[in-house]
């Protein structure tokens, strides 16, 4: 993220708790960066790796299959602008298909051969050779009032754990807001509205 200052954020989906919510939301806050007015360039990347099933089985290669997609958008922050309504900006919107990423995940895994550069453990996922084409809908992700409340609580908890915590922090603020998660899904994408400067949405 570039502008008057720069900031970056990454999230490893292997660390996610895929147990209770659908879709899975990843959000982060750049409150210090956006405390000033300016023009910004937001760039985001989705990267994943999978087993090279044919090559590994035949001993032909020790390289994982790696895929990466990137997009960017320019926007401006203005102190006189109204507060962003995440519910309104994601309601009845159609996400362009080109801003989606579809991964055809199978139910197969395989052991990682010796010498393969892979940090995911002893096994890796097998992804189907054919890649599905994302569609504009139903890939749409909506942010409802419950999600907004969870994101706000997460921000409060983050600020209250910081060095210069707000004076109105309570013990509840410090213990709330685990990130929303989703049971195993086979499609990953990015919200077409960017839900406020870096709220990354996977669906």
N, C-alpha and C. Protein backbone atom coordinates (compact mmCIF):
# COMPACT_ATOMS: atom_id res chain seq x y z
N UNK A 1 0.85 -1.18 0.00
CA UNK A 1 0.00 0.00 0.00
C UNK A 1 0.89 1.24 0.00
N UNK A 2 0.75 2.08 -1.01
CA UNK A 2 1.64 3.21 -1.17
C UNK A 2 0.87 4.51 -1.04
N UNK A 3 1.54 5.55 -0.57
CA UNK A 3 0.94 6.86 -0.44
C UNK A 3 1.93 7.75 0.27
N UNK A 4 1.45 8.56 1.20
CA UNK A 4 2.37 9.36 2.01
C UNK A 4 3.28 8.46 2.83
N UNK A 5 2.77 7.31 3.20
CA UNK A 5 3.53 6.27 3.89
C UNK A 5 3.19 4.95 3.24
N UNK A 6 3.95 3.91 3.58
CA UNK A 6 3.67 2.58 3.06
C UNK A 6 3.35 1.63 4.19
N UNK A 7 2.57 0.60 3.92
CA UNK A 7 2.25 -0.41 4.91
C UNK A 7 1.92 -1.69 4.17
N UNK A 8 2.11 -2.81 4.83
CA UNK A 8 1.79 -4.09 4.20
C UNK A 8 1.21 -5.04 5.23
N UNK A 9 0.50 -6.05 4.75
CA UNK A 9 -0.14 -7.02 5.62
C UNK A 9 -0.27 -8.32 4.84
N UNK A 10 0.00 -9.43 5.49
CA UNK A 10 -0.18 -10.73 4.85
C UNK A 10 -0.93 -11.66 5.80
N UNK A 11 -1.61 -12.64 5.25
CA UNK A 11 -2.37 -13.59 6.05
C UNK A 11 -2.17 -14.98 5.48
N UNK A 12 -1.75 -15.92 6.31
CA UNK A 12 -1.53 -17.30 5.90
C UNK A 12 -2.79 -18.10 6.21
N UNK A 13 -3.48 -18.57 5.17
CA UNK A 13 -4.73 -19.28 5.38
C UNK A 13 -4.54 -20.62 6.08
N UNK A 14 -3.30 -21.12 6.13
CA UNK A 14 -3.07 -22.37 6.87
C UNK A 14 -3.27 -22.18 8.36
N UNK A 15 -3.22 -20.93 8.83
CA UNK A 15 -3.39 -20.64 10.25
C UNK A 15 -4.85 -20.42 10.62
N UNK A 16 -5.74 -20.50 9.66
CA UNK A 16 -7.15 -20.20 9.91
C UNK A 16 -7.83 -21.33 10.67
N UNK A 17 -8.83 -20.96 11.45
CA UNK A 17 -9.70 -21.92 12.12
C UNK A 17 -10.96 -22.07 11.26
N UNK A 18 -11.01 -23.15 10.50
CA UNK A 18 -12.08 -23.31 9.50
C UNK A 18 -13.29 -24.02 10.10
N UNK A 19 -13.85 -23.52 11.18
CA UNK A 19 -14.81 -24.34 11.90
C UNK A 19 -16.22 -23.79 12.01
N UNK A 20 -16.45 -22.49 11.88
CA UNK A 20 -17.75 -22.02 12.32
C UNK A 20 -18.50 -21.06 11.40
N UNK A 21 -17.85 -20.33 10.51
CA UNK A 21 -18.56 -19.29 9.76
C UNK A 21 -18.28 -19.38 8.26
N UNK A 22 -19.23 -18.93 7.47
CA UNK A 22 -19.11 -18.90 6.02
C UNK A 22 -19.73 -17.59 5.54
N UNK A 23 -19.03 -16.76 4.80
CA UNK A 23 -17.65 -16.96 4.31
C UNK A 23 -16.60 -16.61 5.35
N UNK A 24 -15.34 -16.78 4.96
CA UNK A 24 -14.22 -16.50 5.85
C UNK A 24 -13.69 -15.10 5.55
N UNK A 25 -13.71 -14.22 6.52
CA UNK A 25 -13.25 -12.85 6.35
C UNK A 25 -11.88 -12.66 6.99
N UNK A 26 -10.98 -12.01 6.27
CA UNK A 26 -9.70 -11.59 6.83
C UNK A 26 -9.67 -10.07 6.79
N UNK A 27 -9.40 -9.44 7.91
CA UNK A 27 -9.36 -7.98 7.92
C UNK A 27 -8.15 -7.50 8.71
N UNK A 28 -7.67 -6.34 8.34
CA UNK A 28 -6.56 -5.72 9.05
C UNK A 28 -6.78 -4.22 9.04
N UNK A 29 -6.11 -3.51 9.95
CA UNK A 29 -6.37 -2.09 10.13
C UNK A 29 -5.08 -1.29 9.97
N UNK A 30 -5.17 -0.22 9.19
CA UNK A 30 -4.05 0.68 8.97
C UNK A 30 -4.42 2.07 9.48
N UNK A 31 -4.85 2.14 10.74
CA UNK A 31 -5.38 3.40 11.26
C UNK A 31 -4.32 4.50 11.33
N UNK A 32 -3.05 4.15 11.58
CA UNK A 32 -2.00 5.16 11.62
C UNK A 32 -1.70 5.70 10.23
N UNK A 33 -1.68 4.81 9.25
CA UNK A 33 -1.37 5.21 7.89
C UNK A 33 -2.43 6.17 7.35
N UNK A 34 -3.71 5.86 7.58
CA UNK A 34 -4.79 6.64 7.01
C UNK A 34 -5.26 7.77 7.93
N UNK A 35 -4.46 8.12 8.92
CA UNK A 35 -4.81 9.25 9.79
C UNK A 35 -4.62 10.57 9.06
N UNK A 36 -4.04 10.55 7.90
CA UNK A 36 -3.82 11.76 7.11
C UNK A 36 -4.51 11.63 5.76
N UNK A 37 -4.85 12.76 5.18
CA UNK A 37 -5.47 12.76 3.87
C UNK A 37 -4.42 12.44 2.81
N UNK A 38 -4.85 11.83 1.74
CA UNK A 38 -3.90 11.54 0.68
C UNK A 38 -4.51 10.64 -0.38
N UNK A 39 -3.72 10.39 -1.40
CA UNK A 39 -4.11 9.49 -2.49
C UNK A 39 -3.30 8.22 -2.33
N UNK A 40 -3.96 7.08 -2.45
CA UNK A 40 -3.34 5.81 -2.11
C UNK A 40 -3.49 4.79 -3.22
N UNK A 41 -2.55 3.89 -3.25
CA UNK A 41 -2.58 2.80 -4.22
C UNK A 41 -2.57 1.49 -3.44
N UNK A 42 -3.68 0.78 -3.47
CA UNK A 42 -3.81 -0.48 -2.75
C UNK A 42 -3.56 -1.64 -3.71
N UNK A 43 -2.62 -2.48 -3.38
CA UNK A 43 -2.31 -3.65 -4.18
C UNK A 43 -2.46 -4.90 -3.32
N UNK A 44 -3.11 -5.91 -3.84
CA UNK A 44 -3.25 -7.14 -3.07
C UNK A 44 -2.94 -8.35 -3.95
N UNK A 45 -2.46 -9.39 -3.30
CA UNK A 45 -2.00 -10.59 -3.98
C UNK A 45 -2.63 -11.82 -3.34
N UNK A 46 -3.01 -12.79 -4.15
CA UNK A 46 -3.44 -14.10 -3.67
C UNK A 46 -2.48 -15.12 -4.26
N UNK A 47 -1.79 -15.86 -3.39
CA UNK A 47 -0.79 -16.82 -3.83
C UNK A 47 -1.07 -18.17 -3.18
N UNK A 48 -0.97 -19.23 -3.93
CA UNK A 48 -1.13 -20.56 -3.35
C UNK A 48 -0.24 -21.56 -4.09
N UNK A 49 0.08 -22.65 -3.40
CA UNK A 49 0.90 -23.72 -3.96
C UNK A 49 0.18 -25.05 -3.76
N UNK A 50 0.45 -25.99 -4.65
CA UNK A 50 -0.15 -27.32 -4.55
C UNK A 50 0.85 -28.36 -5.03
N UNK A 51 0.52 -29.63 -4.74
CA UNK A 51 1.39 -30.73 -5.17
C UNK A 51 1.45 -30.81 -6.69
N UNK A 52 2.61 -31.12 -7.20
CA UNK A 52 2.77 -31.43 -8.61
C UNK A 52 2.62 -32.95 -8.72
N UNK A 53 1.37 -33.42 -8.77
CA UNK A 53 1.08 -34.84 -8.61
C UNK A 53 1.79 -35.70 -9.65
N UNK A 54 1.71 -35.34 -10.91
CA UNK A 54 2.32 -36.15 -11.97
C UNK A 54 3.84 -36.17 -11.83
N UNK A 55 4.43 -34.99 -11.64
CA UNK A 55 5.89 -34.90 -11.55
C UNK A 55 6.42 -35.59 -10.30
N UNK A 56 5.75 -35.41 -9.17
CA UNK A 56 6.21 -36.04 -7.93
C UNK A 56 6.11 -37.56 -8.02
N UNK A 57 5.02 -38.06 -8.59
CA UNK A 57 4.82 -39.51 -8.68
C UNK A 57 5.86 -40.16 -9.59
N UNK A 58 6.27 -39.45 -10.63
CA UNK A 58 7.23 -40.01 -11.59
C UNK A 58 8.66 -39.59 -11.29
N UNK A 59 8.86 -38.80 -10.25
CA UNK A 59 10.20 -38.34 -9.92
C UNK A 59 10.79 -37.39 -10.95
N UNK A 60 9.93 -36.64 -11.64
CA UNK A 60 10.40 -35.77 -12.72
C UNK A 60 10.81 -34.38 -12.24
N UNK A 61 10.24 -33.92 -11.13
CA UNK A 61 10.50 -32.57 -10.67
C UNK A 61 10.33 -32.49 -9.16
N UNK A 62 11.02 -31.54 -8.54
CA UNK A 62 10.86 -31.29 -7.12
C UNK A 62 10.25 -29.91 -6.86
N UNK A 63 9.61 -29.37 -7.87
CA UNK A 63 9.00 -28.05 -7.74
C UNK A 63 7.50 -28.16 -7.48
N UNK A 64 7.02 -27.37 -6.51
CA UNK A 64 5.58 -27.27 -6.28
C UNK A 64 4.94 -26.49 -7.43
N UNK A 65 3.65 -26.70 -7.63
CA UNK A 65 2.89 -25.86 -8.55
C UNK A 65 2.53 -24.58 -7.81
N UNK A 66 2.92 -23.43 -8.35
CA UNK A 66 2.71 -22.16 -7.67
C UNK A 66 1.86 -21.24 -8.55
N UNK A 67 0.88 -20.60 -7.93
CA UNK A 67 0.01 -19.67 -8.65
C UNK A 67 -0.11 -18.38 -7.86
N UNK A 68 -0.17 -17.27 -8.56
CA UNK A 68 -0.30 -15.98 -7.89
C UNK A 68 -1.13 -15.04 -8.75
N UNK A 69 -2.04 -14.31 -8.12
CA UNK A 69 -2.86 -13.31 -8.81
C UNK A 69 -2.75 -12.00 -8.06
N UNK A 70 -2.72 -10.89 -8.79
CA UNK A 70 -2.57 -9.57 -8.17
C UNK A 70 -3.52 -8.58 -8.80
N UNK A 71 -3.99 -7.63 -8.00
CA UNK A 71 -4.82 -6.53 -8.48
C UNK A 71 -4.45 -5.28 -7.71
N UNK A 72 -4.88 -4.13 -8.19
CA UNK A 72 -4.61 -2.89 -7.47
C UNK A 72 -5.71 -1.88 -7.77
N UNK A 73 -5.82 -0.87 -6.91
CA UNK A 73 -6.82 0.17 -7.09
C UNK A 73 -6.31 1.46 -6.45
N UNK A 74 -6.64 2.58 -7.05
CA UNK A 74 -6.30 3.89 -6.50
C UNK A 74 -7.51 4.47 -5.77
N UNK A 75 -7.28 5.11 -4.62
CA UNK A 75 -8.37 5.77 -3.92
C UNK A 75 -7.81 6.94 -3.13
N UNK A 76 -8.71 7.80 -2.66
CA UNK A 76 -8.33 9.02 -1.94
C UNK A 76 -9.01 9.04 -0.57
N UNK A 77 -8.27 9.47 0.46
CA UNK A 77 -8.86 9.67 1.78
C UNK A 77 -9.06 11.16 2.01
N UNK A 78 -10.22 11.49 2.57
CA UNK A 78 -10.60 12.89 2.80
C UNK A 78 -11.28 12.98 4.16
N UNK A 79 -10.76 13.82 5.04
CA UNK A 79 -11.31 13.94 6.39
C UNK A 79 -12.76 14.42 6.39
N UNK A 80 -13.18 15.12 5.34
CA UNK A 80 -14.54 15.64 5.29
C UNK A 80 -15.53 14.64 4.71
N UNK A 81 -15.04 13.51 4.22
CA UNK A 81 -15.92 12.51 3.62
C UNK A 81 -16.70 11.77 4.70
N UNK A 82 -17.89 11.27 4.38
CA UNK A 82 -18.67 10.51 5.37
C UNK A 82 -18.00 9.17 5.68
N UNK A 83 -18.32 8.62 6.83
CA UNK A 83 -17.79 7.31 7.22
C UNK A 83 -18.32 6.25 6.27
N UNK A 84 -17.47 5.30 5.93
CA UNK A 84 -17.86 4.24 5.00
C UNK A 84 -18.89 3.31 5.64
N UNK A 85 -19.96 3.06 4.92
CA UNK A 85 -20.99 2.12 5.36
C UNK A 85 -20.75 0.79 4.65
N UNK A 86 -20.11 -0.15 5.34
CA UNK A 86 -19.74 -1.41 4.71
C UNK A 86 -20.95 -2.22 4.29
N UNK A 87 -22.04 -2.12 5.05
CA UNK A 87 -23.25 -2.85 4.69
C UNK A 87 -23.81 -2.32 3.37
N UNK A 88 -23.86 -1.01 3.22
CA UNK A 88 -24.44 -0.41 2.02
C UNK A 88 -23.59 -0.67 0.78
N UNK A 89 -22.26 -0.58 0.90
CA UNK A 89 -21.42 -0.69 -0.29
C UNK A 89 -21.30 -2.12 -0.79
N UNK A 90 -21.70 -3.09 0.02
CA UNK A 90 -21.65 -4.48 -0.45
C UNK A 90 -23.03 -5.04 -0.73
N UNK A 91 -24.05 -4.22 -0.66
CA UNK A 91 -25.42 -4.68 -0.87
C UNK A 91 -25.80 -4.58 -2.35
N UNK A 92 -26.22 -5.72 -2.90
CA UNK A 92 -26.69 -5.77 -4.29
C UNK A 92 -25.64 -5.30 -5.29
N UNK A 93 -24.40 -5.64 -5.02
CA UNK A 93 -23.31 -5.31 -5.94
C UNK A 93 -22.91 -6.57 -6.71
N UNK A 94 -22.47 -6.37 -7.93
CA UNK A 94 -21.98 -7.48 -8.74
C UNK A 94 -20.47 -7.37 -8.86
N UNK A 95 -19.78 -8.41 -8.43
CA UNK A 95 -18.32 -8.41 -8.52
C UNK A 95 -17.89 -8.83 -9.92
N UNK A 96 -17.01 -8.08 -10.56
CA UNK A 96 -16.50 -8.49 -11.87
C UNK A 96 -15.82 -9.85 -11.78
N UNK A 97 -16.06 -10.71 -12.73
CA UNK A 97 -15.47 -12.05 -12.70
C UNK A 97 -13.95 -12.00 -12.69
N UNK A 98 -13.37 -10.97 -13.33
CA UNK A 98 -11.91 -10.91 -13.40
C UNK A 98 -11.27 -10.63 -12.05
N UNK A 99 -12.07 -10.23 -11.05
CA UNK A 99 -11.52 -9.99 -9.71
C UNK A 99 -11.72 -11.19 -8.80
N UNK A 100 -12.08 -12.32 -9.36
CA UNK A 100 -12.24 -13.54 -8.56
C UNK A 100 -11.17 -14.56 -8.91
N UNK A 101 -10.87 -15.42 -7.96
CA UNK A 101 -9.94 -16.52 -8.17
C UNK A 101 -10.64 -17.80 -7.75
N UNK A 102 -10.70 -18.78 -8.62
CA UNK A 102 -11.34 -20.05 -8.31
C UNK A 102 -10.28 -21.15 -8.27
N UNK A 103 -10.32 -21.96 -7.23
CA UNK A 103 -9.37 -23.07 -7.08
C UNK A 103 -10.17 -24.35 -6.91
N UNK A 104 -9.96 -25.30 -7.80
CA UNK A 104 -10.69 -26.57 -7.75
C UNK A 104 -9.94 -27.53 -6.82
N UNK A 105 -10.26 -27.47 -5.54
CA UNK A 105 -9.58 -28.29 -4.54
C UNK A 105 -10.18 -29.69 -4.53
N UNK A 106 -9.34 -30.71 -4.59
CA UNK A 106 -9.81 -32.10 -4.53
C UNK A 106 -9.74 -32.59 -3.10
N UNK A 107 -10.15 -33.83 -2.88
CA UNK A 107 -10.07 -34.42 -1.55
C UNK A 107 -8.80 -35.24 -1.37
N UNK A 108 -7.82 -35.03 -2.26
CA UNK A 108 -6.60 -35.82 -2.20
C UNK A 108 -5.42 -34.99 -1.69
N UNK A 109 -4.56 -35.64 -0.94
CA UNK A 109 -3.26 -35.09 -0.55
C UNK A 109 -2.20 -36.12 -0.87
N UNK A 110 -0.96 -35.72 -0.85
CA UNK A 110 0.13 -36.67 -1.07
C UNK A 110 1.33 -36.26 -0.24
N UNK A 111 2.18 -37.24 0.02
CA UNK A 111 3.39 -36.98 0.80
C UNK A 111 4.35 -36.13 -0.03
N UNK A 112 4.99 -35.19 0.62
CA UNK A 112 5.95 -34.32 -0.06
C UNK A 112 7.27 -35.06 -0.19
N UNK A 113 7.76 -35.25 -1.42
CA UNK A 113 9.03 -35.97 -1.61
C UNK A 113 10.20 -35.25 -0.94
N UNK A 114 11.21 -36.00 -0.60
CA UNK A 114 12.41 -35.42 0.00
C UNK A 114 13.05 -34.44 -0.98
N UNK A 115 13.48 -33.30 -0.45
CA UNK A 115 14.15 -32.30 -1.26
C UNK A 115 13.24 -31.25 -1.85
N UNK A 116 11.93 -31.40 -1.69
CA UNK A 116 10.99 -30.40 -2.21
C UNK A 116 10.93 -29.22 -1.25
N UNK A 117 11.05 -28.02 -1.78
CA UNK A 117 11.00 -26.80 -0.98
C UNK A 117 9.54 -26.50 -0.64
N UNK A 118 9.13 -26.88 0.56
CA UNK A 118 7.74 -26.74 0.96
C UNK A 118 7.67 -26.58 2.47
N UNK A 119 7.04 -25.50 2.93
CA UNK A 119 6.99 -25.20 4.36
C UNK A 119 5.69 -25.63 5.01
N UNK A 120 4.84 -26.35 4.27
CA UNK A 120 3.53 -26.70 4.78
C UNK A 120 3.44 -28.03 5.50
N UNK A 121 4.58 -28.66 5.80
CA UNK A 121 4.54 -29.93 6.50
C UNK A 121 4.90 -31.09 5.61
N UNK A 122 4.46 -32.29 6.00
CA UNK A 122 4.84 -33.51 5.28
C UNK A 122 3.91 -33.84 4.12
N UNK A 123 2.77 -33.16 4.03
CA UNK A 123 1.83 -33.42 2.95
C UNK A 123 1.45 -32.12 2.25
N UNK A 124 0.91 -32.24 1.06
CA UNK A 124 0.43 -31.08 0.33
C UNK A 124 -0.86 -31.45 -0.39
N UNK A 125 -1.66 -30.45 -0.71
CA UNK A 125 -2.95 -30.67 -1.35
C UNK A 125 -2.79 -30.89 -2.84
N UNK A 126 -3.67 -31.71 -3.40
CA UNK A 126 -3.72 -31.92 -4.84
C UNK A 126 -4.86 -31.08 -5.40
N UNK A 127 -4.53 -30.21 -6.34
CA UNK A 127 -5.52 -29.34 -6.99
C UNK A 127 -5.80 -29.87 -8.38
N UNK A 128 -7.06 -29.88 -8.78
CA UNK A 128 -7.42 -30.39 -10.10
C UNK A 128 -6.71 -29.61 -11.20
N UNK A 129 -6.36 -30.31 -12.28
CA UNK A 129 -5.61 -29.67 -13.36
C UNK A 129 -6.43 -28.62 -14.08
N UNK A 130 -7.75 -28.79 -14.12
CA UNK A 130 -8.61 -27.80 -14.77
C UNK A 130 -9.01 -26.74 -13.75
N UNK A 131 -8.88 -25.48 -14.13
CA UNK A 131 -9.21 -24.37 -13.24
C UNK A 131 -10.58 -23.81 -13.58
N UNK A 132 -11.52 -23.81 -12.64
CA UNK A 132 -12.85 -23.26 -12.92
C UNK A 132 -12.78 -21.76 -13.17
N UNK A 133 -13.70 -21.26 -13.97
CA UNK A 133 -13.76 -19.84 -14.27
C UNK A 133 -14.69 -19.14 -13.28
N UNK A 134 -14.20 -18.12 -12.57
CA UNK A 134 -15.07 -17.41 -11.62
C UNK A 134 -16.23 -16.74 -12.35
N UNK A 135 -17.37 -16.69 -11.72
CA UNK A 135 -18.53 -15.98 -12.25
C UNK A 135 -18.83 -14.77 -11.38
N UNK A 136 -19.46 -13.78 -11.98
CA UNK A 136 -19.74 -12.55 -11.24
C UNK A 136 -20.62 -12.82 -10.03
N UNK A 137 -21.60 -13.67 -10.17
CA UNK A 137 -22.47 -14.10 -9.08
C UNK A 137 -22.69 -15.60 -9.22
N UNK A 138 -22.73 -16.38 -8.14
CA UNK A 138 -22.93 -15.95 -6.75
C UNK A 138 -21.65 -15.68 -5.97
N UNK A 139 -20.59 -15.27 -6.62
CA UNK A 139 -19.35 -14.98 -5.91
C UNK A 139 -19.45 -13.74 -5.02
N UNK A 140 -20.55 -13.00 -5.15
CA UNK A 140 -20.73 -11.78 -4.38
C UNK A 140 -20.68 -12.06 -2.88
N UNK A 141 -19.96 -11.23 -2.16
CA UNK A 141 -19.87 -11.32 -0.70
C UNK A 141 -20.51 -10.09 -0.10
N UNK A 142 -21.41 -10.29 0.84
CA UNK A 142 -22.07 -9.18 1.53
C UNK A 142 -21.53 -9.06 2.94
N UNK A 143 -21.34 -7.84 3.37
CA UNK A 143 -20.93 -7.57 4.74
C UNK A 143 -22.17 -7.08 5.48
N UNK A 144 -22.71 -7.92 6.38
CA UNK A 144 -23.90 -7.52 7.11
C UNK A 144 -23.53 -6.86 8.43
N UNK A 145 -24.55 -6.45 9.18
CA UNK A 145 -24.30 -5.72 10.43
C UNK A 145 -23.56 -6.56 11.45
N UNK A 146 -23.76 -7.88 11.44
CA UNK A 146 -23.05 -8.76 12.38
C UNK A 146 -21.56 -8.76 12.07
N UNK A 147 -21.22 -8.83 10.78
CA UNK A 147 -19.81 -8.82 10.39
C UNK A 147 -19.18 -7.47 10.74
N UNK A 148 -19.89 -6.38 10.47
CA UNK A 148 -19.37 -5.05 10.79
C UNK A 148 -19.11 -4.94 12.28
N UNK A 149 -20.03 -5.44 13.11
CA UNK A 149 -19.85 -5.40 14.56
C UNK A 149 -18.63 -6.20 14.97
N UNK A 150 -18.42 -7.36 14.33
CA UNK A 150 -17.26 -8.19 14.64
C UNK A 150 -15.97 -7.49 14.25
N UNK A 151 -15.96 -6.84 13.08
CA UNK A 151 -14.77 -6.11 12.63
C UNK A 151 -14.47 -4.94 13.57
N UNK A 152 -15.51 -4.24 14.00
CA UNK A 152 -15.33 -3.12 14.92
C UNK A 152 -14.78 -3.60 16.26
N UNK A 153 -15.31 -4.73 16.74
CA UNK A 153 -14.83 -5.29 17.99
C UNK A 153 -13.38 -5.75 17.87
N UNK A 154 -13.04 -6.30 16.70
CA UNK A 154 -11.66 -6.73 16.47
C UNK A 154 -10.72 -5.54 16.48
N UNK A 155 -11.14 -4.43 15.86
CA UNK A 155 -10.33 -3.21 15.87
C UNK A 155 -10.16 -2.70 17.30
N UNK A 156 -11.25 -2.68 18.06
CA UNK A 156 -11.17 -2.22 19.45
C UNK A 156 -10.21 -3.07 20.26
N UNK A 157 -10.29 -4.39 20.06
CA UNK A 157 -9.39 -5.29 20.78
C UNK A 157 -7.94 -5.05 20.39
N UNK A 158 -7.70 -4.82 19.09
CA UNK A 158 -6.34 -4.55 18.63
C UNK A 158 -5.79 -3.27 19.23
N UNK A 159 -6.59 -2.21 19.22
CA UNK A 159 -6.15 -0.94 19.78
C UNK A 159 -5.92 -1.06 21.28
N UNK A 160 -6.77 -1.79 21.98
CA UNK A 160 -6.66 -1.90 23.43
C UNK A 160 -5.47 -2.76 23.85
N UNK A 161 -4.97 -3.59 22.94
CA UNK A 161 -3.77 -4.37 23.24
C UNK A 161 -2.50 -3.59 22.93
N UNK A 162 -2.64 -2.43 22.30
CA UNK A 162 -1.48 -1.64 21.90
C UNK A 162 -0.86 -0.88 23.05
N UNK A 163 0.26 -0.24 22.76
CA UNK A 163 1.00 0.51 23.78
C UNK A 163 0.20 1.74 24.22
N UNK A 164 -0.33 2.49 23.26
CA UNK A 164 -1.11 3.68 23.57
C UNK A 164 -2.60 3.36 23.45
N UNK A 165 -3.10 2.53 24.34
CA UNK A 165 -4.49 2.10 24.28
C UNK A 165 -5.44 3.26 24.59
N UNK A 166 -6.59 3.31 23.91
CA UNK A 166 -7.58 4.35 24.20
C UNK A 166 -8.03 4.30 25.66
N UNK A 167 -8.43 5.44 26.19
CA UNK A 167 -8.80 5.52 27.60
C UNK A 167 -10.07 4.74 27.91
N UNK A 168 -10.92 4.52 26.90
CA UNK A 168 -12.20 3.86 27.16
C UNK A 168 -12.14 2.34 27.01
N UNK A 169 -10.94 1.75 26.97
CA UNK A 169 -10.81 0.30 26.84
C UNK A 169 -11.32 -0.39 28.10
N UNK A 170 -11.94 -1.55 27.92
CA UNK A 170 -12.39 -2.38 29.03
C UNK A 170 -11.78 -3.76 28.88
N UNK A 171 -11.95 -4.59 29.88
CA UNK A 171 -11.46 -5.96 29.80
C UNK A 171 -12.13 -6.72 28.67
N UNK A 172 -13.41 -6.38 28.41
CA UNK A 172 -14.12 -7.04 27.32
C UNK A 172 -13.49 -6.73 25.98
N UNK A 173 -13.02 -5.48 25.81
CA UNK A 173 -12.39 -5.09 24.55
C UNK A 173 -11.15 -5.93 24.27
N UNK A 174 -10.45 -6.33 25.30
CA UNK A 174 -9.20 -7.03 25.13
C UNK A 174 -9.39 -8.51 24.82
N UNK A 175 -10.62 -9.01 24.99
CA UNK A 175 -10.83 -10.44 24.82
C UNK A 175 -11.79 -10.80 23.69
N UNK A 176 -12.33 -9.79 23.00
CA UNK A 176 -13.34 -10.07 21.98
C UNK A 176 -12.73 -10.21 20.61
N UNK A 177 -13.60 -10.60 19.68
CA UNK A 177 -13.33 -10.48 18.25
C UNK A 177 -12.31 -11.43 17.70
N UNK A 178 -12.64 -12.70 17.65
CA UNK A 178 -11.85 -13.62 16.86
C UNK A 178 -12.30 -13.46 15.42
N UNK A 179 -11.38 -13.68 14.49
CA UNK A 179 -11.73 -13.48 13.08
C UNK A 179 -12.77 -14.49 12.64
N UNK A 180 -13.64 -14.07 11.72
CA UNK A 180 -14.65 -14.95 11.19
C UNK A 180 -14.00 -15.98 10.29
N UNK A 181 -14.50 -17.21 10.35
CA UNK A 181 -13.91 -18.29 9.58
C UNK A 181 -15.00 -19.05 8.84
N UNK A 182 -14.57 -19.90 7.92
CA UNK A 182 -15.50 -20.60 7.06
C UNK A 182 -15.09 -22.07 6.96
N UNK A 183 -16.05 -23.01 6.93
CA UNK A 183 -15.70 -24.40 6.70
C UNK A 183 -15.04 -24.55 5.35
N UNK A 184 -14.41 -25.70 5.10
CA UNK A 184 -13.65 -25.92 3.88
C UNK A 184 -14.40 -25.53 2.62
N UNK A 185 -13.83 -24.67 1.84
CA UNK A 185 -14.43 -24.23 0.59
C UNK A 185 -13.42 -24.41 -0.52
N UNK A 186 -13.90 -24.39 -1.75
CA UNK A 186 -13.01 -24.62 -2.87
C UNK A 186 -12.80 -23.40 -3.73
N UNK A 187 -13.40 -22.29 -3.37
CA UNK A 187 -13.27 -21.08 -4.17
C UNK A 187 -12.74 -19.95 -3.30
N UNK A 188 -11.75 -19.24 -3.81
CA UNK A 188 -11.17 -18.12 -3.10
C UNK A 188 -11.28 -16.89 -3.98
N UNK A 189 -11.60 -15.75 -3.41
CA UNK A 189 -11.74 -14.55 -4.22
C UNK A 189 -11.51 -13.30 -3.41
N UNK A 190 -11.67 -12.15 -4.05
CA UNK A 190 -11.48 -10.86 -3.39
C UNK A 190 -12.74 -10.03 -3.60
N UNK A 191 -13.19 -9.39 -2.56
CA UNK A 191 -14.38 -8.54 -2.68
C UNK A 191 -14.12 -7.43 -3.69
N UNK A 192 -15.10 -7.19 -4.55
CA UNK A 192 -14.91 -6.18 -5.58
C UNK A 192 -14.98 -4.77 -5.02
N UNK A 193 -15.45 -4.60 -3.79
CA UNK A 193 -15.55 -3.26 -3.24
C UNK A 193 -14.41 -2.95 -2.27
N UNK A 194 -13.55 -3.91 -2.00
CA UNK A 194 -12.41 -3.73 -1.10
C UNK A 194 -12.80 -3.39 0.32
N UNK A 195 -14.06 -3.46 0.64
CA UNK A 195 -14.59 -3.22 1.98
C UNK A 195 -13.66 -2.44 2.87
N UNK A 196 -13.37 -1.25 2.51
CA UNK A 196 -12.66 -0.26 3.33
C UNK A 196 -11.19 -0.55 3.53
N UNK A 197 -10.39 -0.19 2.55
CA UNK A 197 -8.94 -0.09 2.68
C UNK A 197 -8.28 -1.31 3.30
N UNK A 198 -8.42 -2.43 2.71
CA UNK A 198 -7.65 -3.56 3.19
C UNK A 198 -8.41 -4.57 4.00
N UNK A 199 -9.72 -4.57 3.95
CA UNK A 199 -10.46 -5.69 4.52
C UNK A 199 -10.52 -6.75 3.44
N UNK A 200 -9.67 -7.72 3.50
CA UNK A 200 -9.56 -8.74 2.47
C UNK A 200 -10.66 -9.76 2.69
N UNK A 201 -11.41 -10.09 1.67
CA UNK A 201 -12.55 -10.98 1.82
C UNK A 201 -12.35 -12.20 0.92
N UNK A 202 -12.31 -13.37 1.53
CA UNK A 202 -12.14 -14.60 0.79
C UNK A 202 -13.46 -15.35 0.76
N UNK A 203 -13.88 -15.83 -0.41
CA UNK A 203 -15.15 -16.54 -0.48
C UNK A 203 -15.02 -17.73 -1.39
